[in-house]
Amino acid sequence: MFALVALVVVYRSGRANRTASDYYTGGSTFTAAQNGVALAGDYLSAAAFLGIAGAIAVYGYDGLLYAIGAFVGWLVALLLIAERLRNTGRYTMGDVLSYRLSQRPVRSAAATSTLLISVIYLVAQISGAGGLIALLLGIPNSNRLGQAAVIAVVGVLMMVYVLVGGMKGTTWVQILKANLLILVGLVLAAWVTGRFGYNISALLGKAVANDPKAGDGLLAPGLLYGRTQLSKIDFFSLSLAAVLGPASLPHVLMRFYTVPDAVQARRSVAWAIWLIGGFFLMVLVIGYGATALVGPQAILAAPGASNSAALLLAFHLGGELLLGLVAAVAFATILAVVSGLTIVASASVAHDLYANVVKRGNAEPAQEIRVARRTALAVGLLATAGGIVANGQNVAVLVTLAFAVAASTNMAPLIFTLFWRRFNTTGALFSMYGGMTVATLLVVFSPAVSGTSTAMLPDVDFAWFPLSNPGIVSIPLSFLLGVLGTFLGRPDQDAERRFAEMEVRSLTGAGPLDVTDRRRRGSGSPARSTSVAFTPVGGRHLRRPGPVVRSVDETGGDEAVARTPR
């Protein structure tokens, strides 16, 4: 019933999709509060709810560390990325990079990285959905074929959401499910603490008593990441990926374009921070409550393993009815997140590769949307196959791997493009392809994929990289490769002017030159003027005297203005 209600919302919202802007960004019509709730919904996925609750239930304090690092990462998005990205881009990260760098190579690199990161993240979400439905239907872990069939059904439903609703439909489902998820978290947390007289100390004491193997280790660091020196390094690597990951994820970056201006983008991140922080406090109580009332042994033996902790707790507290309600919200959470991920992957292929690389900016909007929908089908099928392989893994662990690849691929070129005058196309390609390749290889040959009982492929062992998360190696290397490529490569044509234009645009949101002024002055070489109207996205006009330069704005095709440095 919940899935059908969400499908109705998607269908009604999707009927208004007439342009590429409608399909990709919902026409940039959402308010800061709406987009903030949707951002929280994007992040409060299966990993945040099912995965982190399960990690806390099994590993105690160390499980909470998954939440803390990623929560801090939203400050990076707020202070460095959100406002500047909204001012300089249009649909995708490729728009920002191509604003001052060579368009075709950086858009190809951006589309490649977006596809890879989205598929890794999708695998985590669909795997979590499979465990959720398998638990509801009583499909045991030994019945791999039955669980694979469930995951395939989830993948098909996800593709229907994307093809019908686009970004507008997905955003409204995100808003709906984020509110319901926070409400369910509040109910579970209040119910659990009520069982112990609203005494958190009594709850923690019961959790320790119900896990004699871990004992007091549940309440202190070290149960998962403090046993050896190598595990401590692994935790540092995980933290680095978690802090830089959220601001590097393509589906989070694309959310900044669903609001009308940069001020709303910044405010939406502030909304998301408050909502996510409050929810993680509830997840802390839910995780320890699952340990206290269900027990780690029962959790690990259930379908979905540690991902089932919150669901088993709901069943223990309120029986089948509460389990059904929590599962419905969790399922809607997964569907909404995977829909957003699929949209950003398809948008990057259609807008960056097809429209701007293959068609060189001359693609028809209708054909571009058709390419996006075909890409969504292909991405959905690939992610569904990956979810079947990854079934049973803790989704929080899988998501941190996506964080590591995202931070290793996207963070360095974004920061350098926005802030470093000398940065060039060669530096961007070195950073993106180098970071992406190293991070992916280290993930494939890490203990997270093979060689251990908890790996994706436990029966084989081809792991030679000792850490489960590659962030400590691949993220600094990405920044280093960006610097190296910049000094080795030739400066881009008209680099000074492009950077000056981007600097003004990123800080003020200055829009296209007024059409009447352009006609009056003609379209020849750069002209001097005593006054020029900068039109920020928010609508206010800032009149500033001095020399200006006219140029083609590659993100929108309009003639833009920028002040040249004196």
Protein backbone atom coordinates (compact mmCIF):
# COMPACT_ATOMS: atom_id res chain seq x y z
CA MET A 1 0.00 0.00 0.00
CA PHE A 2 2.80 2.41 0.88
CA ALA A 3 4.59 1.69 -2.40
CA LEU A 4 1.36 2.38 -4.31
CA VAL A 5 0.78 5.68 -2.49
CA ALA A 6 4.33 6.75 -3.34
CA LEU A 7 3.76 5.72 -6.98
CA VAL A 8 0.63 7.90 -7.14
CA VAL A 9 2.65 10.85 -5.81
CA VAL A 10 5.35 10.20 -8.41
CA TYR A 11 2.81 9.94 -11.23
CA ARG A 12 0.94 13.13 -10.35
CA SER A 13 4.18 15.09 -9.97
CA GLY A 14 5.70 13.63 -13.12
CA ARG A 15 2.84 14.76 -15.38
CA ALA A 16 4.30 18.28 -15.32
CA ASN A 17 7.65 17.12 -16.76
CA ARG A 18 7.84 18.94 -20.11
CA THR A 19 11.44 20.16 -20.29
CA ALA A 20 14.89 18.86 -19.39
CA SER A 21 14.90 21.24 -16.43
CA ASP A 22 11.65 19.70 -15.14
CA TYR A 23 13.02 16.17 -15.46
CA TYR A 24 16.49 16.83 -14.00
CA THR A 25 15.88 19.47 -11.32
CA GLY A 26 12.11 19.79 -10.91
CA GLY A 27 12.24 23.20 -12.59
CA SER A 28 14.22 24.64 -9.62
CA THR A 29 10.92 25.40 -7.90
CA PHE A 30 11.47 23.92 -4.43
CA THR A 31 11.93 26.08 -1.34
CA ALA A 32 14.88 25.81 1.06
CA ALA A 33 12.78 23.93 3.61
CA GLN A 34 11.43 21.49 1.03
CA ASN A 35 14.84 20.86 -0.48
CA GLY A 36 16.41 20.57 2.99
CA VAL A 37 13.95 17.85 3.91
CA ALA A 38 14.62 16.16 0.54
CA LEU A 39 18.39 16.41 1.14
CA ALA A 40 17.91 14.78 4.54
CA GLY A 41 15.79 12.17 2.80
CA ASP A 42 18.55 11.56 0.25
CA TYR A 43 21.08 11.00 3.01
CA LEU A 44 18.83 9.20 5.53
CA SER A 45 18.86 6.12 3.37
CA ALA A 46 19.04 2.42 4.11
CA ALA A 47 22.61 3.01 5.30
CA ALA A 48 21.64 5.69 7.82
CA PHE A 49 18.58 3.91 9.19
CA LEU A 50 19.12 0.17 8.79
CA GLY A 51 22.91 0.05 8.44
CA ILE A 52 24.00 2.42 11.22
CA ALA A 53 21.36 1.12 13.64
CA GLY A 54 22.66 -2.39 12.96
CA ALA A 55 26.30 -1.32 13.33
CA ILE A 56 25.53 0.25 16.73
CA ALA A 57 23.59 -2.85 17.80
CA VAL A 58 26.52 -5.14 16.97
CA TYR A 59 29.59 -2.91 17.54
CA GLY A 60 28.28 -0.27 19.95
CA TYR A 61 30.31 2.94 20.03
CA ASP A 62 32.29 2.09 16.90
CA GLY A 63 29.04 1.69 14.95
CA LEU A 64 28.08 5.26 15.85
CA LEU A 65 31.30 6.50 14.25
CA TYR A 66 29.75 5.82 10.82
CA ALA A 67 27.21 8.52 11.61
CA ILE A 68 29.52 11.11 13.15
CA GLY A 69 31.95 11.39 10.24
CA ALA A 70 29.26 11.71 7.62
CA PHE A 71 27.35 14.26 9.71
CA VAL A 72 30.46 16.46 9.90
CA GLY A 73 30.74 16.13 6.13
CA TRP A 74 27.63 18.28 5.69
CA LEU A 75 29.59 21.25 7.06
CA VAL A 76 31.96 20.86 4.10
CA ALA A 77 28.96 20.99 1.78
CA LEU A 78 27.60 24.07 3.57
CA LEU A 79 30.81 26.11 3.77
CA LEU A 80 32.61 25.21 0.53
CA ILE A 81 30.28 23.73 -2.05
CA ALA A 82 26.55 24.52 -1.91
CA GLU A 83 26.33 28.22 -2.77
CA ARG A 84 29.13 28.36 -5.35
CA LEU A 85 27.94 25.21 -7.05
CA ARG A 86 24.37 26.53 -7.37
CA ASN A 87 25.62 29.79 -8.87
CA THR A 88 27.89 28.25 -11.49
CA GLY A 89 26.04 25.10 -12.57
CA ARG A 90 22.78 24.18 -14.18
CA TYR A 91 22.05 20.44 -13.92
CA THR A 92 25.20 18.44 -13.14
CA MET A 93 28.71 18.67 -11.73
CA GLY A 94 29.98 18.65 -15.33
CA ASP A 95 28.41 22.10 -15.80
CA VAL A 96 30.62 23.54 -13.05
CA LEU A 97 33.84 21.95 -14.30
CA SER A 98 33.21 22.96 -17.93
CA TYR A 99 32.53 26.57 -16.95
CA ARG A 100 36.25 27.38 -17.06
CA LEU A 101 37.87 24.12 -18.32
CA SER A 102 37.72 22.39 -21.70
CA GLN A 103 34.16 21.23 -22.02
CA ARG A 104 34.26 17.83 -23.74
CA PRO A 105 37.01 16.05 -21.75
CA VAL A 106 35.85 17.21 -18.30
CA ARG A 107 32.20 16.45 -19.05
CA SER A 108 33.22 12.92 -20.13
CA ALA A 109 35.18 12.47 -16.91
CA ALA A 110 32.30 13.85 -14.82
CA ALA A 111 29.80 11.50 -16.45
CA THR A 112 32.10 8.50 -15.92
CA SER A 113 32.61 9.29 -12.23
CA THR A 114 28.89 9.94 -11.69
CA LEU A 115 27.97 6.59 -13.22
CA LEU A 116 30.52 4.68 -11.13
CA ILE A 117 29.63 6.36 -7.81
CA SER A 118 25.90 6.06 -8.42
CA VAL A 119 26.12 2.34 -9.20
CA ILE A 120 28.19 1.65 -6.05
CA TYR A 121 25.72 3.61 -3.92
CA LEU A 122 22.77 1.92 -5.63
CA VAL A 123 24.21 -1.52 -4.89
CA ALA A 124 24.21 -0.66 -1.17
CA GLN A 125 20.61 0.58 -1.21
CA ILE A 126 19.18 -2.29 -3.26
CA SER A 127 21.03 -4.82 -1.12
CA GLY A 128 19.43 -3.27 1.96
CA ALA A 129 16.00 -3.44 0.33
CA GLY A 130 16.51 -7.11 -0.41
CA GLY A 131 17.31 -7.86 3.23
CA LEU A 132 14.29 -5.84 4.34
CA ILE A 133 11.77 -7.67 2.14
CA ALA A 134 13.40 -11.04 2.82
CA LEU A 135 12.89 -10.45 6.54
CA LEU A 136 9.23 -9.51 6.02
CA LEU A 137 8.53 -12.56 3.84
CA GLY A 138 10.57 -14.93 6.02
CA ILE A 139 13.04 -15.86 3.27
CA PRO A 140 16.08 -17.32 5.10
CA ASN A 141 19.69 -16.43 4.30
CA SER A 142 20.18 -19.94 2.91
CA ASN A 143 17.63 -19.27 0.14
CA ARG A 144 19.85 -17.07 -2.02
CA LEU A 145 17.62 -17.52 -5.09
CA GLY A 146 14.53 -16.25 -3.26
CA GLN A 147 16.39 -13.23 -1.92
CA ALA A 148 17.79 -12.51 -5.39
CA ALA A 149 14.25 -12.52 -6.81
CA VAL A 150 13.16 -10.02 -4.15
CA ILE A 151 16.07 -7.70 -5.02
CA ALA A 152 15.15 -7.93 -8.72
CA VAL A 153 11.56 -6.84 -7.94
CA VAL A 154 12.90 -3.86 -5.96
CA GLY A 155 15.08 -2.88 -8.92
CA VAL A 156 12.14 -2.97 -11.33
CA LEU A 157 9.99 -0.84 -9.02
CA MET A 158 12.84 1.67 -8.71
CA MET A 159 13.07 2.04 -12.49
CA VAL A 160 9.33 2.66 -12.73
CA TYR A 161 9.61 5.52 -10.21
CA VAL A 162 12.39 7.18 -12.20
CA LEU A 163 10.83 6.80 -15.63
CA VAL A 164 7.46 8.12 -14.49
CA GLY A 165 8.31 10.88 -12.03
CA GLY A 166 11.68 12.43 -12.80
CA MET A 167 13.27 14.70 -10.19
CA LYS A 168 10.03 16.42 -9.20
CA GLY A 169 8.26 13.18 -8.35
CA THR A 170 11.33 11.79 -6.62
CA THR A 171 11.71 14.95 -4.51
CA TRP A 172 8.12 14.83 -3.27
CA VAL A 173 8.56 11.16 -2.33
CA GLN A 174 11.79 12.15 -0.54
CA ILE A 175 9.95 14.83 1.43
CA LEU A 176 7.14 12.43 2.32
CA LYS A 177 9.40 9.60 3.40
CA ALA A 178 11.85 11.87 5.30
CA ASN A 179 9.01 13.15 7.48
CA LEU A 180 7.71 9.64 8.05
CA LEU A 181 11.19 8.29 8.75
CA ILE A 182 11.88 10.95 11.38
CA LEU A 183 8.46 10.27 12.92
CA VAL A 184 9.11 6.50 13.01
CA GLY A 185 12.57 7.08 14.53
CA LEU A 186 11.05 9.29 17.21
CA VAL A 187 8.37 6.70 18.04
CA LEU A 188 10.89 3.83 18.24
CA ALA A 189 13.36 5.83 20.34
CA ALA A 190 10.64 7.01 22.74
CA TRP A 191 9.17 3.50 23.02
CA VAL A 192 12.56 1.94 23.74
CA THR A 193 13.52 4.46 26.42
CA GLY A 194 10.01 4.13 27.89
CA ARG A 195 10.70 0.44 28.48
CA PHE A 196 13.51 1.54 30.81
CA GLY A 197 11.64 4.36 32.53
CA TYR A 198 13.24 6.93 30.17
CA ASN A 199 16.55 6.14 31.85
CA ILE A 200 19.34 6.00 29.24
CA SER A 201 21.79 4.51 31.76
CA ALA A 202 19.44 1.59 32.40
CA LEU A 203 19.11 1.05 28.64
CA LEU A 204 22.87 0.96 28.15
CA GLY A 205 23.32 -1.34 31.15
CA LYS A 206 20.81 -3.81 29.71
CA ALA A 207 22.57 -3.66 26.33
CA VAL A 208 25.91 -4.54 27.96
CA ALA A 209 24.31 -7.38 29.93
CA ASN A 210 22.62 -8.78 26.80
CA ASP A 211 25.93 -9.00 24.90
CA PRO A 212 28.34 -10.83 27.21
CA LYS A 213 30.85 -11.32 24.41
CA ALA A 214 31.39 -7.59 23.96
CA GLY A 215 30.46 -6.50 27.48
CA ASP A 216 31.54 -2.99 28.42
CA GLY A 217 33.28 -2.74 25.04
CA LEU A 218 29.91 -1.73 23.57
CA LEU A 219 30.22 1.64 25.32
CA ALA A 220 33.83 2.43 24.45
CA PRO A 221 35.89 2.83 21.27
CA GLY A 222 37.79 -0.14 19.94
CA LEU A 223 35.33 -2.99 19.51
CA LEU A 224 35.60 -2.81 15.72
CA TYR A 225 38.42 -0.36 14.93
CA GLY A 226 40.67 -0.40 17.97
CA ARG A 227 41.89 -3.98 18.14
CA THR A 228 45.04 -3.52 16.06
CA GLN A 229 47.13 -0.67 14.69
CA LEU A 230 45.88 -1.55 11.21
CA SER A 231 42.24 -1.25 12.27
CA LYS A 232 42.95 2.21 13.72
CA ILE A 233 44.40 3.31 10.38
CA ASP A 234 41.34 1.80 8.69
CA PHE A 235 39.11 3.92 10.90
CA PHE A 236 41.04 7.08 10.01
CA SER A 237 40.58 6.18 6.35
CA LEU A 238 36.86 5.63 6.91
CA SER A 239 36.54 9.00 8.69
CA LEU A 240 38.29 10.87 5.88
CA ALA A 241 35.94 9.33 3.33
CA ALA A 242 32.89 10.03 5.51
CA VAL A 243 33.78 13.70 6.04
CA LEU A 244 34.53 14.48 2.38
CA GLY A 245 32.02 12.04 0.90
CA PRO A 246 28.60 13.78 1.27
CA ALA A 247 29.76 16.95 -0.49
CA SER A 248 31.15 14.80 -3.34
CA LEU A 249 28.13 12.60 -4.01
CA PRO A 250 26.52 13.37 -7.40
CA HIS A 251 22.93 13.00 -6.17
CA VAL A 252 23.59 15.42 -3.30
CA LEU A 253 25.29 17.93 -5.62
CA MET A 254 22.36 17.79 -8.03
CA ARG A 255 19.96 18.68 -5.21
CA PHE A 256 21.47 22.19 -5.07
CA TYR A 257 19.94 22.87 -8.51
CA THR A 258 16.36 22.11 -7.43
CA VAL A 259 16.09 25.47 -5.60
CA PRO A 260 15.81 28.88 -7.32
CA ASP A 261 19.01 30.51 -6.02
CA ALA A 262 22.20 30.07 -3.99
CA VAL A 263 20.71 31.50 -0.79
CA GLN A 264 18.06 28.78 -0.83
CA ALA A 265 20.76 26.17 -1.54
CA ARG A 266 22.69 27.23 1.55
CA ARG A 267 19.57 27.30 3.70
CA SER A 268 18.53 23.87 2.47
CA VAL A 269 21.85 22.43 3.70
CA ALA A 270 21.25 24.04 7.11
CA TRP A 271 17.83 22.37 7.25
CA ALA A 272 19.40 19.05 6.31
CA ILE A 273 22.07 19.34 9.04
CA TRP A 274 19.50 19.83 11.80
CA LEU A 275 17.25 17.03 10.58
CA ILE A 276 20.08 14.53 10.07
CA GLY A 277 21.69 15.35 13.43
CA GLY A 278 18.42 14.86 15.29
CA PHE A 279 17.73 11.59 13.50
CA PHE A 280 21.15 10.18 14.35
CA LEU A 281 20.43 10.74 18.05
CA MET A 282 17.34 8.57 17.62
CA VAL A 283 19.34 5.94 15.73
CA LEU A 284 21.78 5.76 18.66
CA VAL A 285 18.91 4.87 21.00
CA ILE A 286 17.41 2.44 18.46
CA GLY A 287 20.74 0.62 17.99
CA TYR A 288 21.43 0.14 21.69
CA GLY A 289 17.76 -0.71 22.19
CA ALA A 290 18.06 -3.53 19.66
CA THR A 291 21.07 -4.88 21.57
CA ALA A 292 19.20 -4.68 24.87
CA LEU A 293 15.88 -6.19 23.76
CA VAL A 294 16.75 -8.43 20.78
CA GLY A 295 20.43 -9.31 21.19
CA PRO A 296 23.28 -9.30 18.66
CA GLN A 297 23.15 -13.05 18.06
CA ALA A 298 19.50 -12.94 16.95
CA ILE A 299 20.20 -9.88 14.81
CA LEU A 300 23.12 -11.47 12.95
CA ALA A 301 21.15 -14.68 12.36
CA ALA A 302 18.14 -12.89 10.79
CA PRO A 303 17.74 -12.23 7.04
CA GLY A 304 19.71 -9.11 6.24
CA ALA A 305 22.03 -9.74 9.23
CA SER A 306 22.91 -6.49 11.03
CA ASN A 307 20.63 -4.51 8.68
CA SER A 308 17.63 -6.12 10.41
CA ALA A 309 18.29 -4.63 13.88
CA ALA A 310 15.75 -1.77 13.69
CA LEU A 311 13.11 -4.05 12.15
CA LEU A 312 13.54 -6.75 14.79
CA LEU A 313 13.33 -4.11 17.49
CA ALA A 314 10.05 -2.83 15.99
CA PHE A 315 8.68 -6.39 15.97
CA HIS A 316 9.74 -6.89 19.60
CA LEU A 317 8.03 -3.67 20.69
CA GLY A 318 4.85 -3.56 18.64
CA GLY A 319 4.48 -6.89 16.89
CA GLU A 320 3.65 -7.32 13.22
CA LEU A 321 1.82 -3.99 12.90
CA LEU A 322 4.79 -1.85 14.00
CA LEU A 323 7.17 -4.04 12.00
CA GLY A 324 5.03 -3.47 8.91
CA LEU A 325 4.93 0.30 9.42
CA VAL A 326 8.69 0.58 10.00
CA ALA A 327 9.40 -1.69 7.04
CA ALA A 328 7.09 0.39 4.82
CA VAL A 329 8.93 3.58 5.70
CA ALA A 330 12.32 1.89 5.27
CA PHE A 331 11.23 0.54 1.89
CA ALA A 332 10.04 3.98 0.77
CA THR A 333 13.38 5.35 1.98
CA ILE A 334 15.27 2.97 -0.25
CA LEU A 335 13.02 3.56 -3.27
CA ALA A 336 13.32 7.32 -3.01
CA VAL A 337 17.11 7.26 -2.63
CA VAL A 338 17.71 4.83 -5.48
CA SER A 339 15.38 6.88 -7.69
CA GLY A 340 17.41 10.03 -7.01
CA LEU A 341 20.65 8.18 -7.69
CA THR A 342 19.34 6.77 -10.95
CA ILE A 343 18.18 10.22 -12.09
CA VAL A 344 21.56 11.81 -11.47
CA ALA A 345 23.34 9.00 -13.33
CA SER A 346 21.00 9.24 -16.30
CA ALA A 347 21.14 13.06 -16.29
CA SER A 348 24.92 13.03 -16.38
CA VAL A 349 25.01 10.66 -19.35
CA ALA A 350 22.27 12.47 -21.25
CA HIS A 351 23.29 16.07 -20.45
CA ASP A 352 27.08 15.79 -20.22
CA LEU A 353 27.89 13.00 -22.67
CA TYR A 354 25.06 12.99 -25.19
CA ALA A 355 23.99 16.65 -25.35
CA ASN A 356 27.34 18.39 -24.83
CA VAL A 357 29.97 15.89 -26.03
CA VAL A 358 28.27 13.85 -28.76
CA LYS A 359 25.86 16.53 -30.02
CA ARG A 360 28.12 19.48 -29.07
CA GLY A 361 25.28 21.37 -27.41
CA ASN A 362 22.80 20.91 -30.28
CA ALA A 363 20.65 18.11 -28.86
CA GLU A 364 16.86 18.39 -28.85
CA PRO A 365 15.48 18.45 -25.26
CA ALA A 366 13.02 15.62 -26.00
CA GLN A 367 15.79 13.40 -27.36
CA GLU A 368 17.98 14.24 -24.37
CA ILE A 369 15.24 13.09 -21.99
CA ARG A 370 14.80 9.88 -24.01
CA VAL A 371 18.53 9.16 -23.64
CA ALA A 372 18.25 9.84 -19.90
CA ARG A 373 15.42 7.33 -19.54
CA ARG A 374 17.27 4.64 -21.47
CA THR A 375 20.30 5.23 -19.28
CA ALA A 376 18.12 4.90 -16.19
CA LEU A 377 17.06 1.43 -17.37
CA ALA A 378 20.66 0.34 -17.94
CA VAL A 379 21.85 1.71 -14.59
CA GLY A 380 18.94 0.08 -12.80
CA LEU A 381 19.72 -3.33 -14.27
CA LEU A 382 23.42 -3.03 -13.42
CA ALA A 383 22.71 -1.93 -9.84
CA THR A 384 20.19 -4.73 -9.35
CA ALA A 385 22.80 -7.31 -10.39
CA GLY A 386 25.30 -5.74 -7.97
CA GLY A 387 22.71 -5.76 -5.17
CA ILE A 388 22.23 -9.50 -5.62
CA VAL A 389 25.99 -10.06 -5.27
CA ALA A 390 26.26 -7.77 -2.21
CA ASN A 391 23.21 -9.22 -0.45
CA GLY A 392 23.83 -9.61 3.30
CA GLN A 393 26.51 -6.93 3.59
CA ASN A 394 26.05 -4.10 6.10
CA VAL A 395 24.84 -1.27 3.90
CA ALA A 396 26.61 1.37 6.03
CA VAL A 397 29.94 -0.26 5.14
CA LEU A 398 29.03 -0.35 1.45
CA VAL A 399 28.02 3.31 1.49
CA THR A 400 31.33 4.39 3.03
CA LEU A 401 33.05 2.72 0.06
CA ALA A 402 30.91 4.88 -2.24
CA PHE A 403 31.92 7.89 -0.12
CA ALA A 404 35.59 7.02 -0.61
CA VAL A 405 35.26 6.73 -4.40
CA ALA A 406 33.21 9.97 -4.56
CA ALA A 407 35.68 11.96 -2.44
CA SER A 408 38.63 10.54 -4.38
CA THR A 409 37.07 11.50 -7.71
CA ASN A 410 35.07 14.69 -7.25
CA MET A 411 36.26 16.67 -4.22
CA ALA A 412 39.69 17.75 -5.53
CA PRO A 413 38.52 18.98 -8.99
CA LEU A 414 35.55 20.80 -7.45
CA ILE A 415 37.69 22.61 -4.86
CA PHE A 416 40.44 23.42 -7.37
CA THR A 417 37.96 24.62 -10.03
CA LEU A 418 36.18 26.94 -7.62
CA PHE A 419 39.21 28.32 -5.76
CA TRP A 420 42.50 27.84 -7.69
CA ARG A 421 43.18 30.31 -10.51
CA ARG A 422 45.93 28.24 -12.15
CA PHE A 423 43.99 24.95 -12.25
CA ASN A 424 43.56 23.58 -15.78
CA THR A 425 41.93 20.78 -17.74
CA THR A 426 44.93 18.45 -17.46
CA GLY A 427 44.86 18.79 -13.68
CA ALA A 428 41.15 17.98 -13.61
CA LEU A 429 41.58 14.86 -15.75
CA PHE A 430 44.58 13.66 -13.73
CA SER A 431 42.67 14.17 -10.49
CA MET A 432 39.38 12.59 -11.57
CA TYR A 433 40.58 9.60 -13.56
CA GLY A 434 43.54 8.98 -11.24
CA GLY A 435 41.53 9.18 -8.02
CA MET A 436 38.70 7.14 -9.48
CA THR A 437 40.99 4.39 -10.76
CA VAL A 438 43.05 4.09 -7.58
CA ALA A 439 40.01 4.14 -5.28
CA THR A 440 38.15 1.54 -7.34
CA LEU A 441 41.14 -0.80 -7.58
CA LEU A 442 41.83 -0.58 -3.86
CA VAL A 443 38.18 -1.32 -3.08
CA VAL A 444 38.17 -4.36 -5.39
CA PHE A 445 41.34 -5.75 -3.81
CA SER A 446 40.36 -4.92 -0.22
CA PRO A 447 39.01 -7.16 2.57
CA ALA A 448 35.57 -5.64 1.97
CA VAL A 449 35.28 -7.64 -1.28
CA SER A 450 37.14 -10.90 -0.60
CA GLY A 451 39.27 -12.78 1.89
CA THR A 452 37.15 -12.49 5.06
CA SER A 453 33.96 -14.09 6.36
CA THR A 454 32.12 -10.74 6.13
CA ALA A 455 33.31 -9.88 2.59
CA MET A 456 31.06 -9.71 -0.47
CA LEU A 457 32.79 -12.82 -1.85
CA PRO A 458 33.75 -14.77 1.30
CA ASP A 459 34.70 -17.97 -0.54
CA VAL A 460 37.58 -16.42 -2.53
CA ASP A 461 40.60 -14.39 -1.53
CA PHE A 462 42.30 -11.96 -3.89
CA ALA A 463 42.70 -9.10 -1.41
CA TRP A 464 46.17 -7.56 -1.16
CA PHE A 465 45.26 -4.06 0.08
CA PRO A 466 45.04 -4.34 3.89
CA LEU A 467 42.44 -1.60 4.58
CA SER A 468 38.69 -1.97 4.05
CA ASN A 469 38.37 1.68 3.04
CA PRO A 470 40.84 3.24 0.58
CA GLY A 471 40.19 6.90 1.49
CA ILE A 472 43.48 7.52 3.32
CA VAL A 473 45.40 6.67 0.12
CA SER A 474 43.11 7.66 -2.76
CA ILE A 475 41.80 11.03 -1.49
CA PRO A 476 45.18 12.73 -0.87
CA LEU A 477 46.45 11.16 -4.10
CA SER A 478 43.58 12.77 -6.00
CA PHE A 479 44.59 16.23 -4.75
CA LEU A 480 48.25 15.51 -5.51
CA LEU A 481 47.44 14.35 -9.05
CA GLY A 482 45.40 17.52 -9.60
CA VAL A 483 48.39 19.67 -8.65
CA LEU A 484 50.79 17.55 -10.72
CA GLY A 485 48.57 17.62 -13.81
CA THR A 486 48.13 21.39 -13.52
CA PHE A 487 51.87 22.04 -13.57
CA LEU A 488 52.52 19.48 -16.32
CA GLY A 489 49.68 20.53 -18.59
CA ARG A 490 49.33 23.64 -20.73
CA PRO A 491 47.15 26.52 -19.49
CA ASP A 492 43.64 26.55 -20.92
CA GLN A 493 42.77 29.09 -23.59
CA ASP A 494 41.52 32.35 -22.09
CA ALA A 495 42.08 30.93 -18.59
CA GLU A 496 42.37 34.26 -16.75
CA ARG A 497 39.12 35.60 -18.15
CA ARG A 498 37.23 32.39 -17.50
CA PHE A 499 38.37 32.22 -13.89
CA ALA A 500 37.49 35.90 -13.32
CA GLU A 501 34.04 35.31 -14.79
CA MET A 502 33.51 32.19 -12.70
CA GLU A 503 34.67 33.95 -9.53
CA VAL A 504 32.09 36.71 -9.97
CA ARG A 505 29.38 34.22 -10.92
CA SER A 506 30.10 31.86 -8.00
CA LEU A 507 30.11 34.66 -5.41
CA THR A 508 27.25 36.83 -6.67
CA GLY A 509 25.14 34.64 -8.92
CA ALA A 510 25.53 37.21 -11.72
CA GLY A 511 23.33 36.14 -14.62
CA PRO A 512 23.23 36.89 -18.36
CA LEU A 513 23.72 40.37 -19.79
CA ASP A 514 20.47 42.18 -20.49
CA VAL A 515 19.35 41.51 -24.08
CA THR A 516 18.65 45.17 -24.89
CA ASP A 517 22.14 46.16 -23.73
CA ARG A 518 23.65 43.41 -25.88
CA ARG A 519 21.79 44.60 -28.97
CA ARG A 520 22.79 48.19 -28.34
CA ARG A 521 26.49 47.37 -28.02
CA GLY A 522 26.74 44.62 -30.60
CA SER A 523 28.50 41.28 -30.18
CA GLY A 524 32.07 42.14 -31.07
CA SER A 525 35.22 42.24 -28.97
CA PRO A 526 35.24 42.91 -25.21
CA ALA A 527 33.91 46.40 -24.52
CA ARG A 528 34.31 48.89 -21.72
CA SER A 529 31.35 50.28 -19.87
CA THR A 530 30.88 52.69 -17.00
CA SER A 531 28.05 50.62 -15.57
CA VAL A 532 26.89 47.06 -15.88
CA ALA A 533 23.94 45.28 -14.32
CA PHE A 534 24.81 42.02 -12.63
CA THR A 535 21.65 39.99 -12.20
CA PRO A 536 22.01 37.50 -9.34
CA VAL A 537 19.89 34.38 -9.45
CA GLY A 538 17.97 35.67 -6.45
CA GLY A 539 16.69 38.62 -8.48
CA ARG A 540 18.49 41.66 -6.98
CA HIS A 541 20.56 43.92 -9.25
CA LEU A 542 24.03 45.05 -8.19
CA ARG A 543 25.34 47.98 -10.24
CA ARG A 544 29.09 48.26 -10.27
CA PRO A 545 31.28 50.56 -12.40
CA GLY A 546 34.39 49.37 -14.19
CA PRO A 547 35.59 47.31 -17.13
CA VAL A 548 33.66 44.21 -18.05
CA VAL A 549 34.12 41.32 -20.43
CA ARG A 550 31.40 39.62 -22.40
CA SER A 551 31.68 35.90 -23.02
CA VAL A 552 29.64 32.84 -23.84
CA ASP A 553 28.25 31.16 -20.75
CA GLU A 554 28.78 27.49 -21.52
CA THR A 555 26.37 26.29 -18.84
CA GLY A 556 23.32 27.95 -20.31
CA GLY A 557 24.27 29.29 -23.73
CA ASP A 558 23.59 32.91 -22.75
CA GLU A 559 26.00 35.79 -22.99
CA ALA A 560 27.40 36.39 -19.51
CA VAL A 561 29.40 39.22 -17.98
CA ALA A 562 32.32 39.18 -15.60
CA ARG A 563 34.53 41.81 -14.11
CA THR A 564 38.15 41.57 -15.20
CA PRO A 565 40.79 41.87 -12.47
CA ARG A 566 42.32 45.33 -12.24
